[in-house]
């Protein structure tokens, strides 16, 4: 059933690309901060993590409130679209304030993905009894992408530098965004509009006769 559900397979593939691009960004930023401020490396890395978490919570609440009204796909496109922008912005400056500020965007992408993914899986598996295994399949795709990204990013940094690694992540994230935009259908169930009933005209027998007391 899972292998024949094309939207679910497509979403799992986009998830793998998303996390392949996203997972190495924070470690790379941490390395750049450590090189610039060795004595403050741990504090700055903590600041990057806390900053993203502070943004993630309100984003998750916002998504929960609007996922049914807006649909899943528009919100997903925002989350996937933020990632290539964020990865490219890291190349513009090595200033600590800039790097930490750009890291705030991680809270938007992660908050959207983490909130929408269970809804997308539930939409596709509704009535099948296969929600848990489908969720596990998407999580497996996420893990594959995240685990391979560290090795790939390290090789790129060693041979071509940090900017090349960030731009590679931006390119992969852009591919995930394009695939989601072109091929991923909306999964939210259609919301039926309530029928507007016109008031029926009272029949002659229902009208009170003149002169009679009801």
Protein backbone atom coordinates (compact mmCIF):
# COMPACT_ATOMS: atom_id res chain seq x y z
CA UNK A 1 0.00 0.00 0.00
CA UNK A 2 2.78 2.44 0.88
CA UNK A 3 4.73 1.70 -2.28
CA UNK A 4 1.71 2.40 -4.44
CA UNK A 5 0.79 5.70 -2.74
CA UNK A 6 2.52 8.14 -5.08
CA UNK A 7 1.92 11.33 -3.01
CA UNK A 8 3.38 9.66 0.08
CA UNK A 9 6.46 8.45 -1.81
CA UNK A 10 6.93 11.90 -3.31
CA UNK A 11 6.64 13.53 0.08
CA UNK A 12 9.14 11.08 1.57
CA UNK A 13 11.58 11.93 -1.23
CA UNK A 14 11.13 15.66 -0.66
CA UNK A 15 11.61 15.08 3.06
CA UNK A 16 14.89 13.26 2.42
CA UNK A 17 16.17 16.15 0.26
CA UNK A 18 14.96 18.72 2.78
CA UNK A 19 16.87 17.14 5.65
CA UNK A 20 19.88 16.41 3.46
CA UNK A 21 20.10 20.16 2.91
CA UNK A 22 19.08 21.24 6.40
CA UNK A 23 20.95 18.89 8.76
CA UNK A 24 24.55 20.11 8.11
CA UNK A 25 23.77 23.83 8.31
CA UNK A 26 23.82 24.20 12.10
CA UNK A 27 27.08 22.20 12.56
CA UNK A 28 28.74 24.25 9.81
CA UNK A 29 27.60 27.50 11.39
CA UNK A 30 28.88 26.24 14.74
CA UNK A 31 32.29 25.55 13.22
CA UNK A 32 32.46 29.04 11.73
CA UNK A 33 31.54 30.60 15.07
CA UNK A 34 34.12 28.46 16.87
CA UNK A 35 36.87 29.58 14.49
CA UNK A 36 36.00 33.24 15.03
CA UNK A 37 35.37 33.13 18.80
CA UNK A 38 36.95 30.08 20.37
CA UNK A 39 36.22 31.17 23.92
CA UNK A 40 32.51 31.75 23.15
CA UNK A 41 31.97 28.79 20.80
CA UNK A 42 29.74 26.78 23.16
CA UNK A 43 27.64 29.79 24.16
CA UNK A 44 27.12 30.86 20.55
CA UNK A 45 26.17 27.35 19.47
CA UNK A 46 23.63 27.28 22.29
CA UNK A 47 22.31 30.66 21.17
CA UNK A 48 21.74 29.30 17.65
CA UNK A 49 19.78 26.33 18.99
CA UNK A 50 17.71 28.34 21.46
CA UNK A 51 16.93 31.03 18.89
CA UNK A 52 15.54 28.48 16.44
CA UNK A 53 13.48 26.78 19.16
CA UNK A 54 11.96 30.11 20.22
CA UNK A 55 10.75 30.67 16.66
CA UNK A 56 9.63 27.08 16.16
CA UNK A 57 6.97 27.10 18.89
CA UNK A 58 4.84 30.03 17.63
CA UNK A 59 5.25 28.79 14.05
CA UNK A 60 3.94 25.36 15.04
CA UNK A 61 0.94 26.97 16.75
CA UNK A 62 0.26 29.14 13.71
CA UNK A 63 0.41 26.13 11.40
CA UNK A 64 -1.95 24.17 13.63
CA UNK A 65 -4.49 26.97 13.49
CA UNK A 66 -4.34 27.43 9.72
CA UNK A 67 -3.57 23.99 8.25
CA UNK A 68 -7.23 23.27 7.53
CA UNK A 69 -8.08 26.73 6.21
CA UNK A 70 -5.05 27.23 3.98
CA UNK A 71 -4.41 23.60 3.08
CA UNK A 72 -1.22 21.60 3.60
CA UNK A 73 0.63 22.42 0.39
CA UNK A 74 0.79 26.25 0.67
CA UNK A 75 2.20 26.03 4.18
CA UNK A 76 4.67 23.32 3.16
CA UNK A 77 5.90 25.49 0.29
CA UNK A 78 6.68 28.27 2.77
CA UNK A 79 8.72 25.91 4.93
CA UNK A 80 10.55 24.34 2.00
CA UNK A 81 11.11 27.74 0.37
CA UNK A 82 12.76 29.22 3.47
CA UNK A 83 15.54 26.61 3.45
CA UNK A 84 17.39 27.50 0.20
CA UNK A 85 17.19 31.19 1.14
CA UNK A 86 18.63 30.48 4.57
CA UNK A 87 21.47 28.34 3.20
CA UNK A 88 22.43 31.01 0.67
CA UNK A 89 22.31 33.81 3.26
CA UNK A 90 25.05 32.11 5.30
CA UNK A 91 27.52 32.89 2.51
CA UNK A 92 27.01 36.66 2.70
CA UNK A 93 28.82 37.33 5.98
CA UNK A 94 30.89 35.66 8.68
CA UNK A 95 29.75 38.04 11.41
CA UNK A 96 28.46 36.21 14.46
CA UNK A 97 25.32 38.34 14.73
CA UNK A 98 24.50 37.65 11.08
CA UNK A 99 25.00 33.90 11.38
CA UNK A 100 22.88 33.66 14.52
CA UNK A 101 20.22 35.88 12.98
CA UNK A 102 19.97 33.75 9.85
CA UNK A 103 19.69 30.67 12.06
CA UNK A 104 16.35 32.04 13.27
CA UNK A 105 14.91 30.98 9.91
CA UNK A 106 15.54 27.38 10.91
CA UNK A 107 12.68 27.67 13.37
CA UNK A 108 10.28 28.49 10.53
CA UNK A 109 11.21 25.53 8.33
CA UNK A 110 11.46 23.04 11.19
CA UNK A 111 8.25 24.25 12.81
CA UNK A 112 6.30 23.91 9.59
CA UNK A 113 7.72 20.52 8.64
CA UNK A 114 7.26 19.03 12.09
CA UNK A 115 3.64 20.17 12.33
CA UNK A 116 2.44 19.44 8.79
CA UNK A 117 4.09 16.04 8.28
CA UNK A 118 1.76 14.09 10.63
CA UNK A 119 -1.21 15.74 8.91
CA UNK A 120 0.00 14.84 5.41
CA UNK A 121 0.56 11.22 6.44
CA UNK A 122 -2.84 11.08 8.13
CA UNK A 123 -4.51 12.53 5.02
CA UNK A 124 -3.06 9.86 2.76
CA UNK A 125 -3.55 6.95 5.17
CA UNK A 126 -7.04 7.83 6.38
CA UNK A 127 -9.12 4.67 6.62
CA UNK A 128 -6.25 2.29 5.81
CA UNK A 129 -4.96 1.51 9.31
CA UNK A 130 -1.39 2.12 8.11
CA UNK A 131 -0.66 5.49 9.69
CA UNK A 132 2.15 4.34 12.00
CA UNK A 133 4.09 2.44 9.33
CA UNK A 134 3.66 5.37 6.91
CA UNK A 135 4.96 7.78 9.55
CA UNK A 136 7.89 5.44 10.11
CA UNK A 137 8.61 5.39 6.39
CA UNK A 138 8.76 9.19 6.22
CA UNK A 139 10.94 9.28 9.33
CA UNK A 140 13.28 6.75 7.71
CA UNK A 141 13.61 8.97 4.64
CA UNK A 142 14.35 11.89 6.97
CA UNK A 143 17.06 9.90 8.75
CA UNK A 144 18.70 8.80 5.51
CA UNK A 145 18.89 12.36 4.24
CA UNK A 146 20.19 13.76 7.52
CA UNK A 147 22.81 11.03 8.00
CA UNK A 148 24.24 11.29 4.50
CA UNK A 149 24.38 15.08 4.58
CA UNK A 150 27.09 15.27 7.23
CA UNK A 151 29.51 13.23 5.18
CA UNK A 152 28.72 15.11 1.98
CA UNK A 153 29.04 18.52 3.64
CA UNK A 154 32.34 17.56 5.27
CA UNK A 155 33.85 16.44 1.97
CA UNK A 156 32.71 19.65 0.25
CA UNK A 157 34.11 21.85 3.04
CA UNK A 158 37.46 20.05 2.94
CA UNK A 159 37.83 20.48 -0.83
CA UNK A 160 35.94 23.68 -1.67
CA UNK A 161 35.20 25.60 1.52
CA UNK A 162 32.18 26.59 3.57
CA UNK A 163 30.50 28.74 0.95
CA UNK A 164 30.43 25.82 -1.49
CA UNK A 165 28.82 23.60 1.16
CA UNK A 166 26.16 26.19 1.93
CA UNK A 167 25.40 26.73 -1.76
CA UNK A 168 25.18 22.97 -2.32
CA UNK A 169 22.63 22.73 0.47
CA UNK A 170 20.73 25.63 -1.09
CA UNK A 171 20.66 23.84 -4.46
CA UNK A 172 19.39 20.58 -2.95
CA UNK A 173 16.74 22.46 -0.98
CA UNK A 174 15.66 24.26 -4.15
CA UNK A 175 15.20 20.88 -5.89
CA UNK A 176 13.02 19.68 -3.01
CA UNK A 177 10.95 22.87 -3.21
CA UNK A 178 10.51 22.54 -6.99
CA UNK A 179 9.44 18.89 -6.72
CA UNK A 180 6.95 19.73 -3.99
CA UNK A 181 5.57 22.66 -5.99
CA UNK A 182 5.20 20.79 -9.29
CA UNK A 183 4.20 17.26 -8.32
CA UNK A 184 2.82 17.20 -4.78
CA UNK A 185 -0.99 17.33 -4.63
CA UNK A 186 -2.98 18.97 -1.88
CA UNK A 187 -3.79 16.29 0.70
CA UNK A 188 -6.22 18.13 2.95
CA UNK A 189 -9.76 16.75 2.74
CA UNK A 190 -12.19 18.95 0.86
CA UNK A 191 -14.32 21.08 3.11
CA UNK A 192 -17.95 20.84 2.12
CA UNK A 193 -19.83 24.12 2.21
CA UNK A 194 -23.07 23.90 4.18
CA UNK A 195 -26.09 24.09 1.95
CA UNK A 196 -28.13 27.28 2.30
CA UNK A 197 -31.76 26.39 2.68
CA UNK A 198 -34.29 28.89 1.44
CA UNK A 199 -37.20 29.45 3.81
CA UNK A 200 -40.22 27.57 2.51
CA UNK A 201 -43.34 29.59 1.85
CA UNK A 202 -46.13 28.79 4.22
CA UNK A 203 -48.96 26.91 2.61
CA UNK A 204 -52.49 28.15 2.72
CA UNK A 205 -53.38 25.53 5.30
CA UNK A 206 -50.52 26.73 7.56
CA UNK A 207 -51.68 30.33 7.57
CA UNK A 208 -54.01 31.34 10.36
CA UNK A 209 -57.51 32.15 9.13
CA UNK A 210 -58.58 35.75 9.52
CA UNK A 211 -60.77 36.39 12.46
CA UNK A 212 -59.88 33.20 14.25
CA UNK A 213 -57.99 33.20 17.52
CA UNK A 214 -55.05 30.73 17.61
